[in-house]
Amino acid sequence: KIDPKKPKMAIYTCFLQHVINSLKPGGKAAVVVPTGFITAKSSIEGRILQHIVTQHIVYGCISMPSNVFATTGTNVSVLFLHKPQQGETGYEKVTLIDASKMGEEYKEGNNQKRRLLPHEIDKIVTTFANQKAVDDFSVAVTYEELIEKGCFLSAGQYFDVKSEYIDITAEEFENRIKNYNETLSEQFQKSHKLEDAIMEQLKSLRLS
């Protein structure tokens, strides 16, 4: 009998566990999973995600553009897995790439699809192979950093938040404030005129 209290497993999680358990020492695998898996917090997906991070099995993840696979419109990511040889520590860092904004759209029949261009594929391959960090595209993080972030494998979770500052003089600052005040005053005057016009229109209304 099926236990209704037992958590349900998505088919892909069964396949993913099979791949992990089938890896021989030194073996590698690439598995396509729904992108939601790489930020799973709980249930079976969350436990698998935690396992492949804490055991240093995953060494890379690429978030792909939507509609890039012919048979599904689901957003997907590619996990890269590795089982270290006995006595080896495996990879020191995990390469995370956000390729979700790449590709060009095209139509096949009634289906809207997306494909990666040759130079985009080259960029992904080169970045991954060299574990390069590229602004708003890729990062190479340690397993400790992944664990601190809840074992999430989404590259965007690790991008630096940048703030741009512009140096201006005190005189420039005063001029800007003056211009803002003048603009606001003009807008307020126009608003008052509009209010007066509306009130006049309301006064002229009669029930016929």
Foldseek 3Di string as FASTA:
>chain_A
DDDPPADDDDPLLVVVVVVVVPADAFGKDKDKDFLVLLPDQDDPSLVVLVVCLVLVFWAEKEFAAAQADPPDRGGIMMTMTHHHHVPDPHDFWHKYFYHHPAFDWDDDPNDIHTHHDPVRVVVVVVCRVVVDDDAPTMHIGGSVVCVVVSSRRHRVVPHDDDDDDDDDDPVVVVVVVVVVVVVVVVVVVVVVVVVVVVVVVVVPDDDD
